[in-house]
């Protein structure tokens, strides 16, 4: 196939006409990278390579846009790209972001664990489910959550009870509903009951004084 016309189209897109019949639209970077010019002959394999390279460029651009909105782990970014691109292109773009340092699953796991536990006030069970659901490796998830011991979680539970449920733990039925509500956040029943008992004991001591 001969390139019979090569001209700017819109923005940084160029129009490539082959044999005076077929039009292909590619980015200006492809024109430069492949040294394209009018009169040059292209075989099917080279044309397909150019198309794939142009699609990969678009996928990388999309990946950078997504990463500009928030942090992603590798699998999360791959799945997002997979909705618009082939498996091969999505994998190549996501891998490029990882190799370039834009994607760091270990760092992401650590920050996500901190956000789920300290900001959203989720227990380890719910945090673990969410992290795995986002596509993080199980070992990375366990390592990130291992940073939070029993005292850390008890502190989160206690803070949440005192801020949101303090008035409800005085009555037996309300206390039972409070335990259930905190369990839905992923906190362990035993830990919740322990924290409630501690708060009530402290309250009794204050009243006796």
Protein backbone atom coordinates (compact mmCIF):
# COMPACT_ATOMS: atom_id res chain seq x y z
CA UNK A 1 0.00 0.00 0.00
CA UNK A 2 1.25 3.44 -0.86
CA UNK A 3 0.75 6.54 1.24
CA UNK A 4 -0.93 8.78 -1.33
CA UNK A 5 -1.71 11.62 1.08
CA UNK A 6 -0.46 12.60 4.52
CA UNK A 7 -1.90 15.76 6.05
CA UNK A 8 -2.94 17.37 9.37
CA UNK A 9 -6.57 16.66 10.25
CA UNK A 10 -7.65 18.04 13.63
CA UNK A 11 -5.47 19.07 16.54
CA UNK A 12 -2.58 16.60 16.76
CA UNK A 13 -4.35 14.06 14.53
CA UNK A 14 -3.13 13.36 11.01
CA UNK A 15 -4.95 11.77 8.10
CA UNK A 16 -3.16 8.94 6.32
CA UNK A 17 -4.62 8.00 2.91
CA UNK A 18 -3.54 4.69 1.40
CA UNK A 19 -3.78 3.95 -2.33
CA UNK A 20 -6.11 6.91 -2.69
CA UNK A 21 -8.94 4.98 -1.03
CA UNK A 22 -8.43 4.03 2.62
CA UNK A 23 -8.11 6.72 5.30
CA UNK A 24 -6.41 6.09 8.62
CA UNK A 25 -6.29 8.67 11.41
CA UNK A 26 -3.26 8.64 13.70
CA UNK A 27 -1.49 10.91 16.14
CA UNK A 28 1.25 13.24 14.86
CA UNK A 29 3.74 11.38 17.07
CA UNK A 30 3.22 8.24 14.95
CA UNK A 31 4.09 10.16 11.80
CA UNK A 32 7.40 11.17 13.34
CA UNK A 33 8.14 7.87 15.09
CA UNK A 34 7.63 5.81 11.94
CA UNK A 35 9.05 8.35 9.52
CA UNK A 36 5.88 8.41 7.43
CA UNK A 37 5.74 10.42 4.23
CA UNK A 38 3.77 10.53 1.00
CA UNK A 39 4.90 7.96 -1.53
CA UNK A 40 6.12 5.49 1.09
CA UNK A 41 4.98 1.88 0.82
CA UNK A 42 3.45 0.19 3.88
CA UNK A 43 2.69 -3.49 4.29
CA UNK A 44 -0.20 -4.79 6.42
CA UNK A 45 2.03 -5.74 9.34
CA UNK A 46 3.60 -2.28 9.57
CA UNK A 47 0.22 -0.58 9.31
CA UNK A 48 -1.14 -2.79 12.10
CA UNK A 49 1.93 -2.00 14.21
CA UNK A 50 1.32 1.73 13.73
CA UNK A 51 -2.34 1.36 14.68
CA UNK A 52 -1.46 -0.60 17.82
CA UNK A 53 1.19 1.92 18.80
CA UNK A 54 -1.31 4.74 18.35
CA UNK A 55 -3.92 2.91 20.42
CA UNK A 56 -1.37 2.22 23.15
CA UNK A 57 -0.49 5.93 23.18
CA UNK A 58 -4.18 6.74 23.74
CA UNK A 59 -4.42 4.12 26.49
CA UNK A 60 -1.38 5.59 28.27
CA UNK A 61 -2.91 9.05 28.01
CA UNK A 62 -6.15 7.71 29.50
CA UNK A 63 -4.22 5.99 32.29
CA UNK A 64 -2.42 9.22 33.18
CA UNK A 65 -5.74 11.03 33.29
CA UNK A 66 -7.19 8.42 35.65
CA UNK A 67 -4.12 8.53 37.87
CA UNK A 68 -4.49 12.29 38.00
CA UNK A 69 -7.89 11.93 39.65
CA UNK A 70 -6.79 9.44 42.34
CA UNK A 71 -4.34 6.64 43.08
CA UNK A 72 -4.95 3.21 41.53
CA UNK A 73 -3.43 -0.20 42.08
CA UNK A 74 -2.32 -2.15 39.02
CA UNK A 75 -5.35 -4.44 38.71
CA UNK A 76 -7.74 -1.57 39.31
CA UNK A 77 -6.15 0.50 36.54
CA UNK A 78 -5.99 -2.50 34.20
CA UNK A 79 -9.71 -3.24 34.68
CA UNK A 80 -10.58 0.40 34.10
CA UNK A 81 -8.62 0.45 30.83
CA UNK A 82 -9.98 -2.95 29.82
CA UNK A 83 -13.46 -1.42 29.43
CA UNK A 84 -12.16 0.61 26.47
CA UNK A 85 -9.17 -1.32 25.13
CA UNK A 86 -8.11 -4.87 24.37
CA UNK A 87 -6.53 -7.06 27.04
CA UNK A 88 -3.09 -6.64 25.44
CA UNK A 89 -3.30 -2.84 25.22
CA UNK A 90 -4.72 -2.47 28.75
CA UNK A 91 -1.97 -4.68 30.15
CA UNK A 92 0.77 -2.79 28.27
CA UNK A 93 -0.50 0.62 29.40
CA UNK A 94 -0.97 -0.41 33.03
CA UNK A 95 2.47 -2.08 33.07
CA UNK A 96 4.05 1.07 31.65
CA UNK A 97 2.50 3.12 34.45
CA UNK A 98 3.85 0.64 37.00
CA UNK A 99 7.34 0.61 35.49
CA UNK A 100 7.34 4.42 35.35
CA UNK A 101 6.49 4.66 39.05
CA UNK A 102 2.97 6.03 38.62
CA UNK A 103 1.51 2.83 40.09
CA UNK A 104 2.87 1.40 43.33
CA UNK A 105 0.69 -1.32 44.85
CA UNK A 106 2.58 -1.49 48.15
CA UNK A 107 2.25 2.25 48.75
CA UNK A 108 -1.36 2.17 47.61
CA UNK A 109 -2.20 -0.67 50.01
CA UNK A 110 -0.68 1.22 52.94
CA UNK A 111 -2.53 4.47 52.17
CA UNK A 112 -5.81 2.70 51.48
CA UNK A 113 -5.63 0.77 54.75
CA UNK A 114 -5.02 4.02 56.64
CA UNK A 115 -7.96 5.71 54.88
CA UNK A 116 -10.37 2.85 55.52
CA UNK A 117 -9.43 2.43 59.17
CA UNK A 118 -8.82 6.02 60.31
CA UNK A 119 -11.07 8.03 57.99
CA UNK A 120 -13.97 5.72 57.19
CA UNK A 121 -13.66 3.95 60.56
CA UNK A 122 -13.96 0.44 59.15
CA UNK A 123 -12.89 -2.65 60.98
CA UNK A 124 -10.22 -5.00 59.68
CA UNK A 125 -12.74 -7.42 58.19
CA UNK A 126 -14.49 -4.84 56.01
CA UNK A 127 -11.21 -3.09 55.15
CA UNK A 128 -9.69 -6.40 54.03
CA UNK A 129 -12.70 -7.16 51.82
CA UNK A 130 -12.57 -3.72 50.18
CA UNK A 131 -8.84 -3.89 49.52
CA UNK A 132 -9.08 -7.33 47.94
CA UNK A 133 -12.12 -6.19 45.93
CA UNK A 134 -10.03 -3.39 44.45
CA UNK A 135 -7.56 -5.95 43.13
CA UNK A 136 -4.71 -5.75 45.60
CA UNK A 137 -2.60 -8.84 46.21
CA UNK A 138 -3.63 -10.72 49.35
CA UNK A 139 -0.12 -10.61 50.82
CA UNK A 140 0.07 -6.84 50.35
CA UNK A 141 -3.31 -6.47 52.04
CA UNK A 142 -2.28 -8.56 55.02
CA UNK A 143 1.01 -6.68 55.37
CA UNK A 144 -0.76 -3.31 55.28
CA UNK A 145 -3.38 -4.34 57.84
CA UNK A 146 -0.77 -5.93 60.11
CA UNK A 147 0.29 -2.37 61.00
CA UNK A 148 -2.89 -2.03 63.09
CA UNK A 149 -2.87 -3.99 66.35
CA UNK A 150 -5.66 -4.56 68.88
CA UNK A 151 -4.98 -1.27 70.67
CA UNK A 152 -5.26 0.70 67.42
CA UNK A 153 -8.60 -0.88 66.57
CA UNK A 154 -9.93 -0.47 70.11
CA UNK A 155 -9.04 3.20 69.91
CA UNK A 156 -11.00 3.56 66.66
CA UNK A 157 -14.02 1.74 68.11
CA UNK A 158 -13.96 3.79 71.29
CA UNK A 159 -13.71 7.07 69.38
CA UNK A 160 -16.62 6.08 67.16
CA UNK A 161 -18.80 5.03 70.12
CA UNK A 162 -18.10 8.21 72.05
CA UNK A 163 -18.78 10.39 69.01
CA UNK A 164 -21.80 8.63 67.55
CA UNK A 165 -23.24 5.99 69.88
CA UNK A 166 -22.50 7.18 73.41
CA UNK A 167 -26.13 7.90 74.30
CA UNK A 168 -27.22 4.54 72.94
CA UNK A 169 -25.06 2.24 75.02
CA UNK A 170 -26.92 2.97 78.24
CA UNK A 171 -29.97 0.93 77.26
CA UNK A 172 -29.65 -2.84 76.71
CA UNK A 173 -31.59 -2.95 73.41
CA UNK A 174 -29.88 0.15 72.05
CA UNK A 175 -26.53 -1.30 73.10
CA UNK A 176 -27.29 -4.51 71.20
CA UNK A 177 -28.16 -2.48 68.09
CA UNK A 178 -24.96 -0.50 68.51
CA UNK A 179 -22.90 -3.69 68.57
CA UNK A 180 -24.64 -4.85 65.39
CA UNK A 181 -24.03 -1.48 63.69
CA UNK A 182 -20.33 -1.56 64.50
CA UNK A 183 -20.09 -5.19 63.39
CA UNK A 184 -21.45 -4.10 60.00
CA UNK A 185 -18.50 -1.73 59.79
CA UNK A 186 -16.26 -4.77 60.01
CA UNK A 187 -15.37 -4.63 63.69
CA UNK A 188 -15.09 -7.83 65.70
CA UNK A 189 -17.99 -8.44 68.10
CA UNK A 190 -15.65 -9.22 70.98
CA UNK A 191 -13.67 -6.01 70.46
CA UNK A 192 -16.84 -3.90 70.29
CA UNK A 193 -18.24 -5.41 73.50
CA UNK A 194 -14.90 -4.95 75.25
CA UNK A 195 -14.78 -1.27 74.30
CA UNK A 196 -18.38 -0.68 75.39
CA UNK A 197 -17.72 -2.35 78.75
CA UNK A 198 -14.63 -0.19 79.24
CA UNK A 199 -16.56 3.00 78.48
CA UNK A 200 -19.36 2.01 80.87
CA UNK A 201 -16.87 1.10 83.60
CA UNK A 202 -15.13 4.47 83.20
CA UNK A 203 -18.52 6.15 83.34
CA UNK A 204 -19.43 4.36 86.58
CA UNK A 205 -16.10 5.36 88.13
CA UNK A 206 -16.67 9.00 87.17
CA UNK A 207 -20.16 8.94 88.69
CA UNK A 208 -18.96 7.32 91.91
CA UNK A 209 -16.36 10.05 92.33
